[in-house]
Amino acid sequence: MPPGRPWQIDAMATETAAPGRLRRVATSPALLILLVAPFFGEGLSGSSPPLELLLPWNLAYMMALYGCGALVCREVAHRLGLRFGGLVLLGVAYAVWEEALVDRYWFFPQFWQDSGIGAYSVVWHTNVLLAAHLTVFHTAISICASVLVVEWLAPQARNRPWTGRTGLVAAGLVLAVTPVIYGEFDQRPPVAVLVAAGVLLVAIVAAAVLVSRRRRPVPTLLTGGATRPRRGLGMLAFAGVAGHWILTYTVAGTGLVWPVGVALSLLPVAAGLVLVPRLAVTGPYGSDGVRVVVGLLSFFVLLDLVVALLGRYDMILVAILTAWLARRLHNRRTRAGF
């Protein structure tokens, strides 16, 4: 066979490398988290209509808030060697940042009325019931579920940083200026309330660092522990989030004093936090973690379909996409054998 011409070989190498580079960019975990987190944090609950979420200026802001928030939480947890509990606590801190200091829905009476909760459980200008509910949602969905889904979609990056130091600093700076870009400045509780929220955020971050240092290597996707994962964890997660959601939006009308009402709304969450670790055998990054996240996503598929029946027909798109993602995760778990 006669030797090929050099320029032909170079052209073939360039053509072969180009799709590879595009594929690496498309499957970059940093890019995936910038897209997945806004969809989970803003789209699943219907806070933003899905078509409006796709508008470039809206998407850019949501990527800055949710995407950079999830990326910073994951990178801090990874680089400091925190266990999964550390990521959970960083998710709690993110929830305080968004809802107390950026959107300020903790202190927004109109939002309380629109939610059907009203002034129930208001203490020091803060609706405790809604603050707890929003914290649970952002911790479980906006941060933890988003990070886990990207870990499963990009398993090659499981044990390495998703971005360099420059990227992490940039994401942190973008997240830090989100109140300037879009902050509910007309919601002005006393300065002492905002300062207290800031102190709470710092305390939670400190707790994540101090108490969540990793004591043993985090299992990979394929070596999460036992060989027979629990098959009921998805239903347990579904029941937990459904119970919390229903109680949050109904307890205000029961006449219960607010401390009892808030505790009751958090009871399914507490039960899940106790039962899931006791029953799971593969850890959060393994098969049982997939089952829990699929259970959570399945609840939002049902919720979005109910909302669509009430007139928000655009939520059908969110339900379809969420169902597809849940099915894809389930199939990847099955094919990978974890």
Protein backbone atom coordinates (compact mmCIF):
# COMPACT_ATOMS: atom_id res chain seq x y z
CA MET A 1 0.00 0.00 0.00
CA PRO A 2 1.47 3.38 -0.94
CA PRO A 3 2.02 5.76 1.92
CA GLY A 4 -0.65 8.41 2.43
CA ARG A 5 0.02 12.03 1.85
CA PRO A 6 0.91 13.93 5.04
CA TRP A 7 -1.79 16.56 4.62
CA GLN A 8 -4.40 13.83 4.19
CA ILE A 9 -3.28 12.16 7.43
CA ASP A 10 -3.38 15.49 9.29
CA ALA A 11 -6.86 16.20 7.95
CA MET A 12 -8.11 12.77 9.02
CA ALA A 13 -6.63 13.25 12.52
CA THR A 14 -8.30 16.65 12.84
CA GLU A 15 -11.66 15.29 11.70
CA THR A 16 -11.37 12.40 14.16
CA ALA A 17 -10.31 14.61 17.06
CA ALA A 18 -13.05 17.20 16.57
CA PRO A 19 -15.98 14.90 17.49
CA GLY A 20 -13.96 13.66 20.46
CA ARG A 21 -13.45 17.19 21.75
CA LEU A 22 -17.12 18.02 21.24
CA ARG A 23 -18.12 14.86 23.07
CA ARG A 24 -15.84 15.71 25.99
CA VAL A 25 -17.28 19.22 26.19
CA ALA A 26 -20.87 17.93 25.98
CA THR A 27 -20.25 15.40 28.75
CA SER A 28 -18.19 17.73 30.93
CA PRO A 29 -19.56 17.46 34.47
CA ALA A 30 -19.07 21.20 35.01
CA LEU A 31 -21.30 21.96 32.02
CA LEU A 32 -23.82 19.28 32.99
CA ILE A 33 -24.24 20.65 36.52
CA LEU A 34 -24.77 24.16 35.14
CA LEU A 35 -27.72 22.78 33.14
CA VAL A 36 -29.12 20.10 35.46
CA ALA A 37 -29.24 22.22 38.63
CA PRO A 38 -31.44 25.01 37.17
CA PHE A 39 -33.83 22.44 35.72
CA PHE A 40 -34.11 20.65 39.06
CA GLY A 41 -34.18 23.74 41.25
CA GLU A 42 -36.48 25.93 39.17
CA GLY A 43 -38.22 23.65 36.69
CA LEU A 44 -39.40 20.65 38.71
CA SER A 45 -41.47 22.72 41.13
CA GLY A 46 -42.91 24.93 38.40
CA SER A 47 -41.40 28.08 39.88
CA SER A 48 -40.46 29.15 36.35
CA PRO A 49 -42.47 28.09 33.27
CA PRO A 50 -40.22 25.75 31.27
CA LEU A 51 -40.30 27.82 28.09
CA GLU A 52 -39.42 30.99 30.00
CA LEU A 53 -36.58 29.12 31.68
CA LEU A 54 -35.08 28.57 28.23
CA LEU A 55 -34.91 32.28 27.42
CA PRO A 56 -31.20 33.13 27.22
CA TRP A 57 -31.22 35.82 29.93
CA ASN A 58 -33.30 33.67 32.29
CA LEU A 59 -31.19 30.59 31.68
CA ALA A 60 -27.98 32.55 32.21
CA TYR A 61 -29.19 33.80 35.58
CA MET A 62 -30.43 30.39 36.69
CA MET A 63 -27.12 28.85 35.70
CA ALA A 64 -25.37 31.51 37.78
CA LEU A 65 -27.58 30.89 40.81
CA TYR A 66 -28.36 27.16 40.75
CA GLY A 67 -25.58 25.88 38.51
CA CYS A 68 -22.74 27.74 40.16
CA GLY A 69 -24.23 26.99 43.58
CA ALA A 70 -24.29 23.24 42.94
CA LEU A 71 -20.83 23.32 41.35
CA VAL A 72 -19.32 25.19 44.31
CA CYS A 73 -20.95 22.80 46.80
CA ARG A 74 -19.66 19.75 44.96
CA GLU A 75 -16.15 21.10 44.49
CA VAL A 76 -15.80 22.24 48.09
CA ALA A 77 -17.03 18.86 49.34
CA HIS A 78 -14.65 17.02 47.00
CA ARG A 79 -11.56 19.14 47.59
CA LEU A 80 -11.95 19.20 51.38
CA GLY A 81 -12.60 15.46 51.53
CA LEU A 82 -16.07 15.80 53.00
CA ARG A 83 -18.39 12.83 53.20
CA PHE A 84 -21.84 12.93 51.65
CA GLY A 85 -23.17 14.46 54.85
CA GLY A 86 -20.91 17.42 54.17
CA LEU A 87 -22.50 17.90 50.76
CA VAL A 88 -25.92 17.80 52.46
CA LEU A 89 -24.92 20.52 54.91
CA LEU A 90 -23.51 22.64 52.08
CA GLY A 91 -26.88 22.18 50.37
CA VAL A 92 -28.56 23.54 53.49
CA ALA A 93 -26.21 26.53 53.41
CA TYR A 94 -27.06 27.10 49.75
CA ALA A 95 -30.77 27.08 50.61
CA VAL A 96 -30.19 29.78 53.21
CA TRP A 97 -28.21 31.81 50.66
CA GLU A 98 -30.88 31.65 47.98
CA GLU A 99 -34.10 31.94 49.95
CA ALA A 100 -32.99 34.21 52.80
CA LEU A 101 -30.42 36.46 51.12
CA VAL A 102 -31.18 36.43 47.37
CA ASP A 103 -34.88 35.74 46.76
CA ARG A 104 -35.76 36.45 50.42
CA TYR A 105 -38.92 34.36 50.23
CA TRP A 106 -38.48 33.60 53.91
CA PHE A 107 -39.60 37.20 54.52
CA PHE A 108 -42.04 37.72 51.62
CA PRO A 109 -45.70 38.00 52.83
CA GLN A 110 -47.07 37.96 49.29
CA PHE A 111 -45.32 34.66 48.62
CA TRP A 112 -46.74 33.29 51.86
CA GLN A 113 -50.25 34.21 50.73
CA ASP A 114 -49.77 32.82 47.23
CA SER A 115 -48.57 29.55 48.77
CA GLY A 116 -51.75 29.25 50.82
CA ILE A 117 -49.85 29.31 54.12
CA GLY A 118 -50.29 32.97 55.03
CA ALA A 119 -48.89 34.23 58.30
CA TYR A 120 -48.84 30.77 59.91
CA SER A 121 -45.55 30.15 61.78
CA VAL A 122 -44.17 33.68 61.29
CA VAL A 123 -41.45 34.40 63.84
CA TRP A 124 -39.17 37.45 63.68
CA HIS A 125 -40.34 38.35 60.15
CA THR A 126 -39.64 34.77 58.98
CA ASN A 127 -42.19 32.16 57.89
CA VAL A 128 -40.64 29.15 59.62
CA LEU A 129 -42.77 26.56 57.81
CA LEU A 130 -41.88 27.84 54.35
CA ALA A 131 -38.25 28.40 55.33
CA ALA A 132 -38.01 24.76 56.39
CA HIS A 133 -39.81 23.56 53.26
CA LEU A 134 -37.61 25.56 50.88
CA THR A 135 -34.50 24.40 52.72
CA VAL A 136 -35.53 20.74 52.35
CA PHE A 137 -36.28 21.23 48.65
CA HIS A 138 -33.05 22.98 47.74
CA THR A 139 -30.91 20.64 49.82
CA ALA A 140 -32.42 17.46 48.42
CA ILE A 141 -33.18 18.53 44.84
CA SER A 142 -31.24 21.65 43.80
CA ILE A 143 -27.94 20.45 45.27
CA CYS A 144 -27.76 16.77 46.26
CA ALA A 145 -29.91 15.27 43.49
CA SER A 146 -28.30 17.51 40.88
CA VAL A 147 -24.79 16.54 41.94
CA LEU A 148 -25.59 12.83 42.16
CA VAL A 149 -27.23 12.77 38.73
CA VAL A 150 -24.18 14.39 37.16
CA GLU A 151 -21.91 11.96 39.03
CA TRP A 152 -23.85 9.11 37.40
CA LEU A 153 -23.97 10.70 33.96
CA ALA A 154 -20.22 11.41 34.01
CA PRO A 155 -18.75 8.53 36.08
CA GLN A 156 -15.28 9.12 34.60
CA ALA A 157 -15.03 12.28 36.72
CA ARG A 158 -16.24 10.71 39.96
CA ASN A 159 -12.93 10.92 41.83
CA ARG A 160 -11.50 14.13 40.41
CA PRO A 161 -12.37 17.84 40.45
CA TRP A 162 -14.92 19.00 37.90
CA THR A 163 -13.14 22.29 37.33
CA GLY A 164 -9.80 23.90 38.09
CA ARG A 165 -9.13 26.45 40.79
CA THR A 166 -9.78 29.30 38.39
CA GLY A 167 -13.15 27.81 37.43
CA LEU A 168 -14.07 27.29 41.08
CA VAL A 169 -13.15 30.87 42.00
CA ALA A 170 -15.11 32.16 39.00
CA ALA A 171 -18.17 30.11 39.97
CA GLY A 172 -17.93 31.39 43.53
CA LEU A 173 -17.70 34.99 42.39
CA VAL A 174 -20.64 34.60 40.03
CA LEU A 175 -22.69 33.06 42.83
CA ALA A 176 -21.67 35.87 45.16
CA VAL A 177 -22.97 38.60 42.84
CA THR A 178 -26.36 36.99 42.19
CA PRO A 179 -28.06 39.21 44.80
CA VAL A 180 -26.82 42.23 42.84
CA ILE A 181 -28.01 40.81 39.51
CA TYR A 182 -31.38 39.77 40.86
CA GLY A 183 -32.26 40.31 44.47
CA GLU A 184 -35.63 40.90 46.06
CA PHE A 185 -34.50 44.19 47.55
CA ASP A 186 -38.06 45.32 48.12
CA GLN A 187 -38.24 42.60 50.77
CA ARG A 188 -36.45 44.42 53.54
CA PRO A 189 -36.70 42.76 56.91
CA PRO A 190 -34.69 44.43 59.66
CA VAL A 191 -30.95 44.33 59.08
CA ALA A 192 -30.57 42.17 62.17
CA VAL A 193 -32.67 39.45 60.50
CA LEU A 194 -30.48 39.42 57.42
CA VAL A 195 -27.34 39.42 59.56
CA ALA A 196 -28.72 36.47 61.51
CA ALA A 197 -29.34 34.62 58.24
CA GLY A 198 -25.76 35.31 57.18
CA VAL A 199 -24.43 34.05 60.51
CA LEU A 200 -26.57 30.92 60.12
CA LEU A 201 -25.12 30.32 56.66
CA VAL A 202 -21.53 30.63 57.93
CA ALA A 203 -22.27 28.33 60.87
CA ILE A 204 -23.68 25.64 58.57
CA VAL A 205 -20.66 25.81 56.26
CA ALA A 206 -18.36 25.55 59.27
CA ALA A 207 -20.32 22.54 60.53
CA ALA A 208 -19.99 20.88 57.12
CA VAL A 209 -16.21 21.26 57.24
CA LEU A 210 -15.74 20.33 60.88
CA VAL A 211 -18.00 17.30 61.25
CA SER A 212 -18.06 15.79 57.76
CA ARG A 213 -14.44 14.94 57.07
CA ARG A 214 -14.24 11.72 55.13
CA ARG A 215 -13.16 8.83 57.33
CA ARG A 216 -12.98 6.25 54.60
CA PRO A 217 -12.86 6.32 50.78
CA VAL A 218 -16.16 7.07 49.13
CA PRO A 219 -17.29 3.99 47.16
CA THR A 220 -17.31 4.21 43.39
CA LEU A 221 -20.40 3.53 41.36
CA LEU A 222 -19.58 -0.15 41.06
CA THR A 223 -18.25 -0.86 44.54
CA GLY A 224 -20.80 0.60 46.85
CA GLY A 225 -20.78 -2.31 49.27
CA ALA A 226 -23.23 -5.22 49.38
CA THR A 227 -24.33 -7.08 46.27
CA ARG A 228 -28.08 -7.05 46.93
CA PRO A 229 -29.36 -3.45 47.06
CA ARG A 230 -32.68 -2.65 48.73
CA ARG A 231 -35.47 -2.40 46.20
CA GLY A 232 -37.95 -0.43 48.30
CA LEU A 233 -35.86 2.70 48.78
CA GLY A 234 -37.36 4.44 45.76
CA MET A 235 -40.87 4.04 47.16
CA LEU A 236 -39.64 5.20 50.57
CA ALA A 237 -38.17 8.36 49.02
CA PHE A 238 -41.36 8.95 47.02
CA ALA A 239 -43.52 8.56 50.15
CA GLY A 240 -41.24 10.82 52.18
CA VAL A 241 -41.26 13.74 49.75
CA ALA A 242 -45.00 13.33 49.08
CA GLY A 243 -45.78 13.33 52.79
CA HIS A 244 -43.64 16.39 53.42
CA TRP A 245 -45.14 18.26 50.47
CA ILE A 246 -48.74 17.51 51.43
CA LEU A 247 -48.25 18.34 55.11
CA THR A 248 -46.44 21.59 54.34
CA TYR A 249 -49.38 22.94 52.35
CA THR A 250 -52.15 21.60 54.58
CA VAL A 251 -50.92 21.92 58.14
CA ALA A 252 -51.64 25.66 58.30
CA GLY A 253 -55.36 24.90 58.05
CA THR A 254 -55.43 22.31 60.82
CA GLY A 255 -55.36 24.74 63.72
CA LEU A 256 -52.22 23.18 65.21
CA VAL A 257 -49.86 25.55 66.96
CA TRP A 258 -47.03 26.34 64.61
CA PRO A 259 -44.19 24.45 66.38
CA VAL A 260 -46.24 21.25 66.18
CA GLY A 261 -47.27 21.97 62.60
CA VAL A 262 -43.70 22.58 61.43
CA ALA A 263 -42.47 19.47 63.25
CA LEU A 264 -45.25 17.42 61.66
CA SER A 265 -44.35 18.65 58.17
CA LEU A 266 -40.73 17.65 58.75
CA LEU A 267 -41.58 14.23 60.18
CA PRO A 268 -41.45 12.41 56.77
CA VAL A 269 -38.08 14.04 56.08
CA ALA A 270 -36.72 12.96 59.45
CA ALA A 271 -38.03 9.44 58.90
CA GLY A 272 -36.28 9.28 55.55
CA LEU A 273 -33.00 10.55 57.01
CA VAL A 274 -33.14 7.78 59.60
CA LEU A 275 -34.43 4.90 57.49
CA VAL A 276 -32.57 5.36 54.20
CA PRO A 277 -29.03 5.12 55.67
CA ARG A 278 -30.09 2.15 57.79
CA LEU A 279 -31.64 0.27 54.88
CA ALA A 280 -29.23 1.25 52.10
CA VAL A 281 -26.32 -1.06 51.38
CA THR A 282 -24.49 0.68 48.51
CA GLY A 283 -24.06 4.25 49.74
CA PRO A 284 -25.38 7.43 48.07
CA TYR A 285 -23.26 7.04 44.92
CA GLY A 286 -24.32 3.46 44.26
CA SER A 287 -27.48 1.65 43.26
CA ASP A 288 -29.45 2.62 46.35
CA GLY A 289 -28.66 6.27 45.73
CA VAL A 290 -30.06 5.94 42.21
CA ARG A 291 -33.24 4.38 43.60
CA VAL A 292 -33.70 7.25 46.06
CA VAL A 293 -33.20 9.94 43.42
CA VAL A 294 -35.49 8.16 40.96
CA GLY A 295 -38.12 8.03 43.71
CA LEU A 296 -37.77 11.77 44.29
CA LEU A 297 -37.99 12.52 40.57
CA SER A 298 -41.04 10.28 40.24
CA PHE A 299 -42.88 12.41 42.78
CA PHE A 300 -42.21 15.52 40.72
CA VAL A 301 -43.42 13.79 37.57
CA LEU A 302 -46.73 13.19 39.35
CA LEU A 303 -46.80 16.70 40.82
CA ASP A 304 -46.13 18.31 37.45
CA LEU A 305 -48.91 16.28 35.81
CA VAL A 306 -51.34 17.40 38.53
CA VAL A 307 -50.28 21.02 38.03
CA ALA A 308 -50.76 20.57 34.28
CA LEU A 309 -54.32 19.31 34.84
CA LEU A 310 -55.00 22.49 36.83
CA GLY A 311 -54.16 24.62 33.81
CA ARG A 312 -50.36 24.84 33.67
CA TYR A 313 -50.17 22.73 30.52
CA ASP A 314 -46.52 23.63 29.95
CA MET A 315 -45.64 21.46 32.95
CA ILE A 316 -46.36 18.41 30.81
CA LEU A 317 -43.02 19.11 29.13
CA VAL A 318 -41.26 19.08 32.49
CA ALA A 319 -43.02 15.85 33.49
CA ILE A 320 -41.98 14.14 30.25
CA LEU A 321 -38.36 15.25 30.52
CA THR A 322 -38.16 14.26 34.19
CA ALA A 323 -39.68 10.85 33.48
CA TRP A 324 -37.19 10.32 30.67
CA LEU A 325 -34.28 11.23 32.93
CA ALA A 326 -35.51 8.95 35.72
CA ARG A 327 -35.85 6.09 33.25
CA ARG A 328 -32.40 6.77 31.84
CA LEU A 329 -30.84 6.68 35.29
CA HIS A 330 -32.63 3.42 36.04
CA ASN A 331 -31.41 1.88 32.78
CA ARG A 332 -27.82 3.02 33.33
CA ARG A 333 -27.89 1.47 36.78
CA THR A 334 -29.20 -1.78 35.35
CA ARG A 335 -26.67 -1.91 32.50
CA ALA A 336 -23.75 -0.96 34.71
CA GLY A 337 -24.74 -3.53 37.28
CA PHE A 338 -24.58 -1.26 40.31
